[in-house]
Amino acid sequence: MLTIEVMCRPEFHLVAAFRAGLQEGDFKSFDLDKAASRARDRAVITHKSPRTPGKVRLEQSGYVCTAKVTAPAGKEWDILHKFVGRLVHRFDQDLLTIHIAFPAPKRRRRR
């Protein structure tokens, strides 16, 4: 699982803007999981393409939005690429920084 931390301008609410874009049809390649996205500050989105499996769970607190990308092994980068690309394309004036936290490497056991 990859974790993305997006810092927004103080007056901007990324989750609400992403939801509005999905409902208006601006993001044709993403779907909103309505059952998992009932709270105002949370959303779960998926990519429509079967080649890009996985989910992005968004949660916003203040001006920091945390996105957790879960996908099958080796496919995390596909959905991450599409999600970050869409953020930068649509909300470039409203974002301050994007941080990507990589998972800790698995330790190999010595024999």
PDB file of N, CA and C in Angstrom:
ATOM      1  N   MET A   1       0.838  -1.171   0.000  1.00  0.00           N
ATOM      2  CA  MET A   1       0.000   0.000   0.000  1.00  0.00           C
ATOM      3  C   MET A   1       0.885   1.237   0.000  1.00  0.00           C
ATOM      4  N   LEU A   2       0.566   2.171  -0.867  1.00  0.00           N
ATOM      5  CA  LEU A   2       1.269   3.444  -0.946  1.00  0.00           C
ATOM      6  C   LEU A   2       0.416   4.513  -0.279  1.00  0.00           C
ATOM      7  N   THR A   3       1.050   5.442   0.386  1.00  0.00           N
ATOM      8  CA  THR A   3       0.331   6.533   1.030  1.00  0.00           C
ATOM      9  C   THR A   3       0.776   7.846   0.406  1.00  0.00           C
ATOM     10  N   ILE A   4      -0.195   8.641   0.026  1.00  0.00           N
ATOM     11  CA  ILE A   4       0.067   9.941  -0.572  1.00  0.00           C
ATOM     12  C   ILE A   4      -0.502  10.997   0.366  1.00  0.00           C
ATOM     13  N   GLU A   5       0.280  12.006   0.651  1.00  0.00           N
ATOM     14  CA  GLU A   5      -0.184  13.115   1.478  1.00  0.00           C
ATOM     15  C   GLU A   5      -0.212  14.356   0.601  1.00  0.00           C
ATOM     16  N   VAL A   6      -1.405  14.920   0.441  1.00  0.00           N
ATOM     17  CA  VAL A   6      -1.590  16.087  -0.412  1.00  0.00           C
ATOM     18  C   VAL A   6      -1.918  17.277   0.483  1.00  0.00           C
ATOM     19  N   MET A   7      -1.101  18.295   0.420  1.00  0.00           N
ATOM     20  CA  MET A   7      -1.373  19.519   1.176  1.00  0.00           C
ATOM     21  C   MET A   7      -2.025  20.518   0.232  1.00  0.00           C
ATOM     22  N   CYS A   8      -3.202  20.975   0.642  1.00  0.00           N
ATOM     23  CA  CYS A   8      -3.996  21.884  -0.182  1.00  0.00           C
ATOM     24  C   CYS A   8      -3.949  23.295   0.390  1.00  0.00           C
ATOM     25  N   ARG A   9      -4.394  24.222  -0.407  1.00  0.00           N
ATOM     26  CA  ARG A   9      -4.557  25.587   0.106  1.00  0.00           C
ATOM     27  C   ARG A   9      -5.622  25.548   1.201  1.00  0.00           C
ATOM     28  N   PRO A  10      -5.499  26.385   2.222  1.00  0.00           N
ATOM     29  CA  PRO A  10      -6.401  26.300   3.372  1.00  0.00           C
ATOM     30  C   PRO A  10      -7.889  26.367   3.043  1.00  0.00           C
ATOM     31  N   GLU A  11      -8.282  27.087   2.017  1.00  0.00           N
ATOM     32  CA  GLU A  11      -9.707  27.217   1.703  1.00  0.00           C
ATOM     33  C   GLU A  11     -10.226  26.117   0.774  1.00  0.00           C
ATOM     34  N   PHE A  12      -9.365  25.212   0.349  1.00  0.00           N
ATOM     35  CA  PHE A  12      -9.739  24.190  -0.637  1.00  0.00           C
ATOM     36  C   PHE A  12     -10.001  22.856   0.049  1.00  0.00           C
ATOM     37  N   HIS A  13     -11.088  22.200  -0.346  1.00  0.00           N
ATOM     38  CA  HIS A  13     -11.433  20.877   0.186  1.00  0.00           C
ATOM     39  C   HIS A  13     -11.336  19.881  -0.966  1.00  0.00           C
ATOM     40  N   LEU A  14     -10.261  19.117  -1.013  1.00  0.00           N
ATOM     41  CA  LEU A  14      -9.963  18.225  -2.126  1.00  0.00           C
ATOM     42  C   LEU A  14     -10.998  17.120  -2.291  1.00  0.00           C
ATOM     43  N   VAL A  15     -11.416  16.489  -1.202  1.00  0.00           N
ATOM     44  CA  VAL A  15     -12.367  15.381  -1.306  1.00  0.00           C
ATOM     45  C   VAL A  15     -13.688  15.871  -1.896  1.00  0.00           C
ATOM     46  N   ALA A  16     -14.179  17.009  -1.422  1.00  0.00           N
ATOM     47  CA  ALA A  16     -15.432  17.553  -1.957  1.00  0.00           C
ATOM     48  C   ALA A  16     -15.289  17.929  -3.431  1.00  0.00           C
ATOM     49  N   ALA A  17     -14.157  18.503  -3.802  1.00  0.00           N
ATOM     50  CA  ALA A  17     -13.934  18.883  -5.199  1.00  0.00           C
ATOM     51  C   ALA A  17     -13.819  17.654  -6.094  1.00  0.00           C
ATOM     52  N   PHE A  18     -13.154  16.604  -5.598  1.00  0.00           N
ATOM     53  CA  PHE A  18     -13.031  15.372  -6.389  1.00  0.00           C
ATOM     54  C   PHE A  18     -14.397  14.722  -6.567  1.00  0.00           C
ATOM     55  N   ARG A  19     -15.199  14.705  -5.491  1.00  0.00           N
ATOM     56  CA  ARG A  19     -16.562  14.164  -5.585  1.00  0.00           C
ATOM     57  C   ARG A  19     -17.407  14.942  -6.588  1.00  0.00           C
ATOM     58  N   ALA A  20     -17.334  16.270  -6.512  1.00  0.00           N
ATOM     59  CA  ALA A  20     -18.101  17.111  -7.433  1.00  0.00           C
ATOM     60  C   ALA A  20     -17.677  16.843  -8.874  1.00  0.00           C
ATOM     61  N   GLY A  21     -16.385  16.701  -9.098  1.00  0.00           N
ATOM     62  CA  GLY A  21     -15.897  16.390 -10.440  1.00  0.00           C
ATOM     63  C   GLY A  21     -16.394  15.043 -10.936  1.00  0.00           C
ATOM     64  N   LEU A  22     -16.453  14.056 -10.060  1.00  0.00           N
ATOM     65  CA  LEU A  22     -16.973  12.741 -10.442  1.00  0.00           C
ATOM     66  C   LEU A  22     -18.456  12.819 -10.769  1.00  0.00           C
ATOM     67  N   GLN A  23     -19.220  13.557  -9.978  1.00  0.00           N
ATOM     68  CA  GLN A  23     -20.664  13.658 -10.207  1.00  0.00           C
ATOM     69  C   GLN A  23     -20.985  14.466 -11.459  1.00  0.00           C
ATOM     70  N   GLU A  24     -20.159  15.449 -11.773  1.00  0.00           N
ATOM     71  CA  GLU A  24     -20.372  16.254 -12.973  1.00  0.00           C
ATOM     72  C   GLU A  24     -19.877  15.565 -14.239  1.00  0.00           C
ATOM     73  N   GLY A  25     -19.119  14.493 -14.090  1.00  0.00           N
ATOM     74  CA  GLY A  25     -18.612  13.770 -15.246  1.00  0.00           C
ATOM     75  C   GLY A  25     -17.266  14.259 -15.740  1.00  0.00           C
ATOM     76  N   ASP A  26     -16.572  15.068 -14.939  1.00  0.00           N
ATOM     77  CA  ASP A  26     -15.264  15.575 -15.349  1.00  0.00           C
ATOM     78  C   ASP A  26     -14.189  14.489 -15.318  1.00  0.00           C
ATOM     79  N   PHE A  27     -14.350  13.519 -14.434  1.00  0.00           N
ATOM     80  CA  PHE A  27     -13.393  12.421 -14.314  1.00  0.00           C
ATOM     81  C   PHE A  27     -14.046  11.165 -14.872  1.00  0.00           C
ATOM     82  N   LYS A  28     -13.952  10.991 -16.159  1.00  0.00           N
ATOM     83  CA  LYS A  28     -14.643   9.871 -16.795  1.00  0.00           C
ATOM     84  C   LYS A  28     -13.976   8.533 -16.555  1.00  0.00           C
ATOM     85  N   SER A  29     -12.720   8.553 -16.104  1.00  0.00           N
ATOM     86  CA  SER A  29     -12.007   7.290 -15.915  1.00  0.00           C
ATOM     87  C   SER A  29     -12.057   6.786 -14.473  1.00  0.00           C
ATOM     88  N   PHE A  30     -12.700   7.543 -13.566  1.00  0.00           N
ATOM     89  CA  PHE A  30     -12.793   7.129 -12.172  1.00  0.00           C
ATOM     90  C   PHE A  30     -14.251   6.958 -11.759  1.00  0.00           C
ATOM     91  N   ASP A  31     -14.482   6.083 -10.792  1.00  0.00           N
ATOM     92  CA  ASP A  31     -15.800   5.863 -10.195  1.00  0.00           C
ATOM     93  C   ASP A  31     -15.727   6.110  -8.701  1.00  0.00           C
ATOM     94  N   LEU A  32     -16.828   6.577  -8.128  1.00  0.00           N
ATOM     95  CA  LEU A  32     -16.929   6.783  -6.686  1.00  0.00           C
ATOM     96  C   LEU A  32     -17.672   5.601  -6.084  1.00  0.00           C
ATOM     97  N   ASP A  33     -17.059   4.966  -5.088  1.00  0.00           N
ATOM     98  CA  ASP A  33     -17.717   3.880  -4.356  1.00  0.00           C
ATOM     99  C   ASP A  33     -18.636   4.537  -3.333  1.00  0.00           C
ATOM    100  N   LYS A  34     -19.925   4.609  -3.654  1.00  0.00           N
ATOM    101  CA  LYS A  34     -20.870   5.363  -2.825  1.00  0.00           C
ATOM    102  C   LYS A  34     -21.086   4.726  -1.461  1.00  0.00           C
ATOM    103  N   ALA A  35     -21.039   3.426  -1.373  1.00  0.00           N
ATOM    104  CA  ALA A  35     -21.263   2.757  -0.086  1.00  0.00           C
ATOM    105  C   ALA A  35     -20.142   3.054   0.904  1.00  0.00           C
ATOM    106  N   ALA A  36     -18.931   3.183   0.414  1.00  0.00           N
ATOM    107  CA  ALA A  36     -17.778   3.421   1.295  1.00  0.00           C
ATOM    108  C   ALA A  36     -17.466   4.908   1.452  1.00  0.00           C
ATOM    109  N   SER A  37     -18.248   5.758   0.809  1.00  0.00           N
ATOM    110  CA  SER A  37     -17.934   7.192   0.785  1.00  0.00           C
ATOM    111  C   SER A  37     -19.063   8.029   1.368  1.00  0.00           C
ATOM    112  N   ARG A  38     -19.626   7.608   2.457  1.00  0.00           N
ATOM    113  CA  ARG A  38     -20.775   8.341   3.010  1.00  0.00           C
ATOM    114  C   ARG A  38     -20.389   9.588   3.785  1.00  0.00           C
ATOM    115  N   ALA A  39     -19.254   9.590   4.428  1.00  0.00           N
ATOM    116  CA  ALA A  39     -18.826  10.758   5.204  1.00  0.00           C
ATOM    117  C   ALA A  39     -18.338  11.860   4.263  1.00  0.00           C
ATOM    118  N   ARG A  40     -18.486  13.105   4.677  1.00  0.00           N
ATOM    119  CA  ARG A  40     -18.109  14.253   3.845  1.00  0.00           C
ATOM    120  C   ARG A  40     -16.609  14.312   3.593  1.00  0.00           C
ATOM    121  N   ASP A  41     -15.817  13.920   4.574  1.00  0.00           N
ATOM    122  CA  ASP A  41     -14.365  14.042   4.469  1.00  0.00           C
ATOM    123  C   ASP A  41     -13.693  12.780   3.952  1.00  0.00           C
ATOM    124  N   ARG A  42     -14.465  11.829   3.456  1.00  0.00           N
ATOM    125  CA  ARG A  42     -13.893  10.571   2.964  1.00  0.00           C
ATOM    126  C   ARG A  42     -14.482  10.205   1.610  1.00  0.00           C
ATOM    127  N   ALA A  43     -13.698   9.488   0.840  1.00  0.00           N
ATOM    128  CA  ALA A  43     -14.172   8.969  -0.442  1.00  0.00           C
ATOM    129  C   ALA A  43     -13.297   7.783  -0.827  1.00  0.00           C
ATOM    130  N   VAL A  44     -13.899   6.842  -1.522  1.00  0.00           N
ATOM    131  CA  VAL A  44     -13.168   5.705  -2.076  1.00  0.00           C
ATOM    132  C   VAL A  44     -13.439   5.713  -3.568  1.00  0.00           C
ATOM    133  N   ILE A  45     -12.364   5.783  -4.346  1.00  0.00           N
ATOM    134  CA  ILE A  45     -12.523   5.816  -5.802  1.00  0.00           C
ATOM    135  C   ILE A  45     -11.797   4.628  -6.423  1.00  0.00           C
ATOM    136  N   THR A  46     -12.294   4.208  -7.566  1.00  0.00           N
ATOM    137  CA  THR A  46     -11.680   3.137  -8.341  1.00  0.00           C
ATOM    138  C   THR A  46     -11.521   3.627  -9.779  1.00  0.00           C
ATOM    139  N   HIS A  47     -10.621   2.990 -10.495  1.00  0.00           N
ATOM    140  CA  HIS A  47     -10.425   3.311 -11.901  1.00  0.00           C
ATOM    141  C   HIS A  47     -11.313   2.383 -12.717  1.00  0.00           C
ATOM    142  N   LYS A  48     -11.921   2.910 -13.776  1.00  0.00           N
ATOM    143  CA  LYS A  48     -12.866   2.121 -14.562  1.00  0.00           C
ATOM    144  C   LYS A  48     -12.204   1.041 -15.404  1.00  0.00           C
ATOM    145  N   SER A  49     -10.955   1.232 -15.767  1.00  0.00           N
ATOM    146  CA  SER A  49     -10.272   0.280 -16.632  1.00  0.00           C
ATOM    147  C   SER A  49      -9.925  -0.998 -15.866  1.00  0.00           C
ATOM    148  N   PRO A  50     -10.229  -2.170 -16.442  1.00  0.00           N
ATOM    149  CA  PRO A  50      -9.839  -3.414 -15.778  1.00  0.00           C
ATOM    150  C   PRO A  50      -8.324  -3.613 -15.744  1.00  0.00           C
ATOM    151  N   ARG A  51      -7.577  -2.877 -16.566  1.00  0.00           N
ATOM    152  CA  ARG A  51      -6.114  -2.957 -16.550  1.00  0.00           C
ATOM    153  C   ARG A  51      -5.517  -2.223 -15.362  1.00  0.00           C
ATOM    154  N   THR A  52      -6.336  -1.396 -14.700  1.00  0.00           N
ATOM    155  CA  THR A  52      -5.863  -0.617 -13.561  1.00  0.00           C
ATOM    156  C   THR A  52      -6.706  -0.966 -12.343  1.00  0.00           C
ATOM    157  N   PRO A  53      -6.507  -2.151 -11.776  1.00  0.00           N
ATOM    158  CA  PRO A  53      -7.307  -2.511 -10.603  1.00  0.00           C
ATOM    159  C   PRO A  53      -6.798  -1.804  -9.355  1.00  0.00           C
ATOM    160  N   GLY A  54      -7.673  -1.684  -8.392  1.00  0.00           N
ATOM    161  CA  GLY A  54      -7.268  -1.092  -7.122  1.00  0.00           C
ATOM    162  C   GLY A  54      -8.186   0.031  -6.703  1.00  0.00           C
ATOM    163  N   LYS A  55      -7.913   0.552  -5.513  1.00  0.00           N
ATOM    164  CA  LYS A  55      -8.725   1.623  -4.947  1.00  0.00           C
ATOM    165  C   LYS A  55      -7.831   2.699  -4.370  1.00  0.00           C
ATOM    166  N   VAL A  56      -8.378   3.893  -4.323  1.00  0.00           N
ATOM    167  CA  VAL A  56      -7.735   5.013  -3.657  1.00  0.00           C
ATOM    168  C   VAL A  56      -8.710   5.495  -2.591  1.00  0.00           C
ATOM    169  N   ARG A  57      -8.278   5.433  -1.339  1.00  0.00           N
ATOM    170  CA  ARG A  57      -9.107   5.892  -0.218  1.00  0.00           C
ATOM    171  C   ARG A  57      -8.633   7.278   0.191  1.00  0.00           C
ATOM    172  N   LEU A  58      -9.525   8.253   0.047  1.00  0.00           N
ATOM    173  CA  LEU A  58      -9.213   9.637   0.379  1.00  0.00           C
ATOM    174  C   LEU A  58      -9.812   9.985   1.735  1.00  0.00           C
ATOM    175  N   GLU A  59      -9.056  10.698   2.541  1.00  0.00           N
ATOM    176  CA  GLU A  59      -9.551  11.202   3.812  1.00  0.00           C
ATOM    177  C   GLU A  59      -8.897  12.549   4.064  1.00  0.00           C
ATOM    178  N   GLN A  60      -9.732  13.560   4.353  1.00  0.00           N
ATOM    179  CA  GLN A  60      -9.204  14.903   4.536  1.00  0.00           C
ATOM    180  C   GLN A  60      -9.441  15.386   5.960  1.00  0.00           C
ATOM    181  N   SER A  61      -8.407  15.998   6.503  1.00  0.00           N
ATOM    182  CA  SER A  61      -8.475  16.609   7.824  1.00  0.00           C
ATOM    183  C   SER A  61      -7.794  17.968   7.713  1.00  0.00           C
ATOM    184  N   GLY A  62      -8.572  19.023   7.805  1.00  0.00           N
ATOM    185  CA  GLY A  62      -8.008  20.357   7.618  1.00  0.00           C
ATOM    186  C   GLY A  62      -7.597  20.547   6.169  1.00  0.00           C
ATOM    187  N   TYR A  63      -6.382  20.993   5.957  1.00  0.00           N
ATOM    188  CA  TYR A  63      -5.905  21.179   4.581  1.00  0.00           C
ATOM    189  C   TYR A  63      -4.993  20.049   4.120  1.00  0.00           C
ATOM    190  N   VAL A  64      -4.957  18.942   4.872  1.00  0.00           N
ATOM    191  CA  VAL A  64      -4.152  17.781   4.485  1.00  0.00           C
ATOM    192  C   VAL A  64      -5.085  16.642   4.088  1.00  0.00           C
ATOM    193  N   CYS A  65      -4.889  16.132   2.897  1.00  0.00           N
ATOM    194  CA  CYS A  65      -5.668  15.001   2.411  1.00  0.00           C
ATOM    195  C   CYS A  65      -4.727  13.805   2.287  1.00  0.00           C
ATOM    196  N   THR A  66      -5.134  12.689   2.882  1.00  0.00           N
ATOM    197  CA  THR A  66      -4.345  11.461   2.817  1.00  0.00           C
ATOM    198  C   THR A  66      -5.029  10.499   1.857  1.00  0.00           C
ATOM    199  N   ALA A  67      -4.276   9.970   0.921  1.00  0.00           N
ATOM    200  CA  ALA A  67      -4.792   8.999  -0.043  1.00  0.00           C
ATOM    201  C   ALA A  67      -4.002   7.708   0.120  1.00  0.00           C
ATOM    202  N   LYS A  68      -4.713   6.608   0.328  1.00  0.00           N
ATOM    203  CA  LYS A  68      -4.068   5.300   0.449  1.00  0.00           C
ATOM    204  C   LYS A  68      -4.425   4.482  -0.782  1.00  0.00           C
ATOM    205  N   VAL A  69      -3.395   4.087  -1.504  1.00  0.00           N
ATOM    206  CA  VAL A  69      -3.569   3.342  -2.744  1.00  0.00           C
ATOM    207  C   VAL A  69      -3.382   1.857  -2.443  1.00  0.00           C
ATOM    208  N   THR A  70      -4.401   1.064  -2.721  1.00  0.00           N
ATOM    209  CA  THR A  70      -4.314  -0.385  -2.570  1.00  0.00           C
ATOM    210  C   THR A  70      -4.612  -1.018  -3.927  1.00  0.00           C
ATOM    211  N   ALA A  71      -3.772  -1.938  -4.307  1.00  0.00           N
ATOM    212  CA  ALA A  71      -3.910  -2.611  -5.594  1.00  0.00           C
ATOM    213  C   ALA A  71      -3.159  -3.934  -5.517  1.00  0.00           C
ATOM    214  N   PRO A  72      -3.409  -4.834  -6.464  1.00  0.00           N
ATOM    215  CA  PRO A  72      -2.627  -6.063  -6.497  1.00  0.00           C
ATOM    216  C   PRO A  72      -1.137  -5.762  -6.658  1.00  0.00           C
ATOM    217  N   ALA A  73      -0.328  -6.679  -6.205  1.00  0.00           N
ATOM    218  CA  ALA A  73       1.130  -6.489  -6.254  1.00  0.00           C
ATOM    219  C   ALA A  73       1.591  -6.147  -7.669  1.00  0.00           C
ATOM    220  N   GLY A  74       2.371  -5.102  -7.755  1.00  0.00           N
ATOM    221  CA  GLY A  74       2.907  -4.676  -9.042  1.00  0.00           C
ATOM    222  C   GLY A  74       2.012  -3.726  -9.812  1.00  0.00           C
ATOM    223  N   LYS A  75       0.775  -3.504  -9.376  1.00  0.00           N
ATOM    224  CA  LYS A  75      -0.158  -2.623 -10.080  1.00  0.00           C
ATOM    225  C   LYS A  75      -0.400  -1.300  -9.361  1.00  0.00           C
ATOM    226  N   GLU A  76       0.235  -1.111  -8.185  1.00  0.00           N
ATOM    227  CA  GLU A  76       0.014   0.120  -7.429  1.00  0.00           C
ATOM    228  C   GLU A  76       0.414   1.343  -8.237  1.00  0.00           C
ATOM    229  N   TRP A  77       1.477   1.212  -9.012  1.00  0.00           N
ATOM    230  CA  TRP A  77       2.013   2.356  -9.735  1.00  0.00           C
ATOM    231  C   TRP A  77       1.090   2.789 -10.859  1.00  0.00           C
ATOM    232  N   ASP A  78       0.329   1.857 -11.420  1.00  0.00           N
ATOM    233  CA  ASP A  78      -0.591   2.227 -12.492  1.00  0.00           C
ATOM    234  C   ASP A  78      -1.673   3.170 -11.978  1.00  0.00           C
ATOM    235  N   ILE A  79      -2.316   2.790 -10.880  1.00  0.00           N
ATOM    236  CA  ILE A  79      -3.392   3.634 -10.359  1.00  0.00           C
ATOM    237  C   ILE A  79      -2.834   4.908  -9.726  1.00  0.00           C
ATOM    238  N   LEU A  80      -1.640   4.815  -9.114  1.00  0.00           N
ATOM    239  CA  LEU A  80      -1.004   6.008  -8.551  1.00  0.00           C
ATOM    240  C   LEU A  80      -0.713   7.021  -9.655  1.00  0.00           C
ATOM    241  N   HIS A  81      -0.182   6.552 -10.753  1.00  0.00           N
ATOM    242  CA  HIS A  81       0.140   7.411 -11.895  1.00  0.00           C
ATOM    243  C   HIS A  81      -1.109   8.132 -12.403  1.00  0.00           C
ATOM    244  N   LYS A  82      -2.185   7.405 -12.560  1.00  0.00           N
ATOM    245  CA  LYS A  82      -3.414   8.003 -13.076  1.00  0.00           C
ATOM    246  C   LYS A  82      -4.048   8.967 -12.070  1.00  0.00           C
ATOM    247  N   PHE A  83      -4.002   8.618 -10.784  1.00  0.00           N
ATOM    248  CA  PHE A  83      -4.594   9.464  -9.763  1.00  0.00           C
ATOM    249  C   PHE A  83      -3.812  10.771  -9.595  1.00  0.00           C
ATOM    250  N   VAL A  84      -2.505  10.690  -9.469  1.00  0.00           N
ATOM    251  CA  VAL A  84      -1.686  11.903  -9.299  1.00  0.00           C
ATOM    252  C   VAL A  84      -1.749  12.759 -10.563  1.00  0.00           C
ATOM    253  N   GLY A  85      -1.760  12.132 -11.708  1.00  0.00           N
ATOM    254  CA  GLY A  85      -1.887  12.881 -12.960  1.00  0.00           C
ATOM    255  C   GLY A  85      -3.181  13.668 -13.022  1.00  0.00           C
ATOM    256  N   ARG A  86      -4.257  13.055 -12.591  1.00  0.00           N
ATOM    257  CA  ARG A  86      -5.551  13.734 -12.588  1.00  0.00           C
ATOM    258  C   ARG A  86      -5.560  14.881 -11.572  1.00  0.00           C
ATOM    259  N   LEU A  87      -4.952  14.666 -10.396  1.00  0.00           N
ATOM    260  CA  LEU A  87      -4.871  15.737  -9.399  1.00  0.00           C
ATOM    261  C   LEU A  87      -4.140  16.951  -9.954  1.00  0.00           C
ATOM    262  N   VAL A  88      -2.982  16.717 -10.549  1.00  0.00           N
ATOM    263  CA  VAL A  88      -2.168  17.810 -11.064  1.00  0.00           C
ATOM    264  C   VAL A  88      -2.856  18.499 -12.234  1.00  0.00           C
ATOM    265  N   HIS A  89      -3.512  17.729 -13.082  1.00  0.00           N
ATOM    266  CA  HIS A  89      -4.183  18.308 -14.244  1.00  0.00           C
ATOM    267  C   HIS A  89      -5.363  19.185 -13.836  1.00  0.00           C
ATOM    268  N   ARG A  90      -6.139  18.721 -12.879  1.00  0.00           N
ATOM    269  CA  ARG A  90      -7.375  19.420 -12.530  1.00  0.00           C
ATOM    270  C   ARG A  90      -7.209  20.454 -11.413  1.00  0.00           C
ATOM    271  N   PHE A  91      -6.381  20.172 -10.420  1.00  0.00           N
ATOM    272  CA  PHE A  91      -6.315  21.012  -9.229  1.00  0.00           C
ATOM    273  C   PHE A  91      -4.944  21.646  -9.014  1.00  0.00           C
ATOM    274  N   ASP A  92      -4.200  21.917 -10.050  1.00  0.00           N
ATOM    275  CA  ASP A  92      -2.837  22.426  -9.884  1.00  0.00           C
ATOM    276  C   ASP A  92      -2.770  23.751  -9.131  1.00  0.00           C
ATOM    277  N   GLN A  93      -3.758  24.602  -9.240  1.00  0.00           N
ATOM    278  CA  GLN A  93      -3.743  25.884  -8.543  1.00  0.00           C
ATOM    279  C   GLN A  93      -4.125  25.758  -7.068  1.00  0.00           C
ATOM    280  N   ASP A  94      -4.737  24.639  -6.679  1.00  0.00           N
ATOM    281  CA  ASP A  94      -5.232  24.462  -5.318  1.00  0.00           C
ATOM    282  C   ASP A  94      -4.342  23.585  -4.453  1.00  0.00           C
ATOM    283  N   LEU A  95      -3.327  22.957  -5.037  1.00  0.00           N
ATOM    284  CA  LEU A  95      -2.449  22.062  -4.295  1.00  0.00           C
ATOM    285  C   LEU A  95      -1.129  22.754  -3.975  1.00  0.00           C
ATOM    286  N   LEU A  96      -0.597  22.459  -2.801  1.00  0.00           N
ATOM    287  CA  LEU A  96       0.706  23.006  -2.418  1.00  0.00           C
ATOM    288  C   LEU A  96       1.813  21.981  -2.621  1.00  0.00           C
ATOM    289  N   THR A  97       1.628  20.775  -2.053  1.00  0.00           N
ATOM    290  CA  THR A  97       2.632  19.724  -2.194  1.00  0.00           C
ATOM    291  C   THR A  97       1.952  18.359  -2.267  1.00  0.00           C
ATOM    292  N   ILE A  98       2.677  17.412  -2.835  1.00  0.00           N
ATOM    293  CA  ILE A  98       2.250  16.013  -2.862  1.00  0.00           C
ATOM    294  C   ILE A  98       3.434  15.185  -2.386  1.00  0.00           C
ATOM    295  N   HIS A  99       3.233  14.420  -1.318  1.00  0.00           N
ATOM    296  CA  HIS A  99       4.270  13.544  -0.767  1.00  0.00           C
ATOM    297  C   HIS A  99       3.834  12.097  -0.966  1.00  0.00           C
ATOM    298  N   ILE A 100       4.752  11.252  -1.381  1.00  0.00           N
ATOM    299  CA  ILE A 100       4.467   9.832  -1.553  1.00  0.00           C
ATOM    300  C   ILE A 100       5.322   9.058  -0.560  1.00  0.00           C
ATOM    301  N   ALA A 101       4.653   8.277   0.294  1.00  0.00           N
ATOM    302  CA  ALA A 101       5.357   7.449   1.281  1.00  0.00           C
ATOM    303  C   ALA A 101       5.391   6.020   0.757  1.00  0.00           C
ATOM    304  N   PHE A 102       6.575   5.487   0.644  1.00  0.00           N
ATOM    305  CA  PHE A 102       6.756   4.133   0.154  1.00  0.00           C
ATOM    306  C   PHE A 102       6.640   3.144   1.303  1.00  0.00           C
ATOM    307  N   PRO A 103       6.145   1.949   1.040  1.00  0.00           N
ATOM    308  CA  PRO A 103       6.058   0.958   2.114  1.00  0.00           C
ATOM    309  C   PRO A 103       7.455   0.520   2.558  1.00  0.00           C
ATOM    310  N   ALA A 104       7.545   0.100   3.789  1.00  0.00           N
ATOM    311  CA  ALA A 104       8.826  -0.384   4.305  1.00  0.00           C
ATOM    312  C   ALA A 104       9.216  -1.656   3.563  1.00  0.00           C
ATOM    313  N   PRO A 105      10.495  -1.810   3.228  1.00  0.00           N
ATOM    314  CA  PRO A 105      10.902  -3.020   2.510  1.00  0.00           C
ATOM    315  C   PRO A 105      10.767  -4.244   3.411  1.00  0.00           C
ATOM    316  N   LYS A 106      10.425  -5.335   2.776  1.00  0.00           N
ATOM    317  CA  LYS A 106      10.310  -6.591   3.533  1.00  0.00           C
ATOM    318  C   LYS A 106      11.714  -7.104   3.825  1.00  0.00           C
ATOM    319  N   ARG A 107      11.900  -7.538   5.037  1.00  0.00           N
ATOM    320  CA  ARG A 107      13.205  -8.058   5.433  1.00  0.00           C
ATOM    321  C   ARG A 107      13.327  -9.507   4.996  1.00  0.00           C
ATOM    322  N   ARG A 108      14.466  -9.818   4.477  1.00  0.00           N
ATOM    323  CA  ARG A 108      14.717 -11.196   4.072  1.00  0.00           C
ATOM    324  C   ARG A 108      15.373 -11.941   5.220  1.00  0.00           C
ATOM    325  N   ARG A 109      14.948 -13.132   5.391  1.00  0.00           N
ATOM    326  CA  ARG A 109      15.551 -13.943   6.451  1.00  0.00           C
ATOM    327  C   ARG A 109      16.825 -14.624   5.937  1.00  0.00           C
ATOM    328  N   ARG A 110      17.793 -14.611   6.759  1.00  0.00           N
ATOM    329  CA  ARG A 110      19.037 -15.306   6.405  1.00  0.00           C
ATOM    330  C   ARG A 110      18.945 -16.749   6.859  1.00  0.00           C
ATOM    331  N   ARG A 111      19.562 -17.579   6.093  1.00  0.00           N
ATOM    332  CA  ARG A 111      19.566 -19.030   6.442  1.00  0.00           C
ATOM    333  C   ARG A 111      20.856 -19.428   7.020  1.00  0.00           C
TER     334      ARG A 111
END
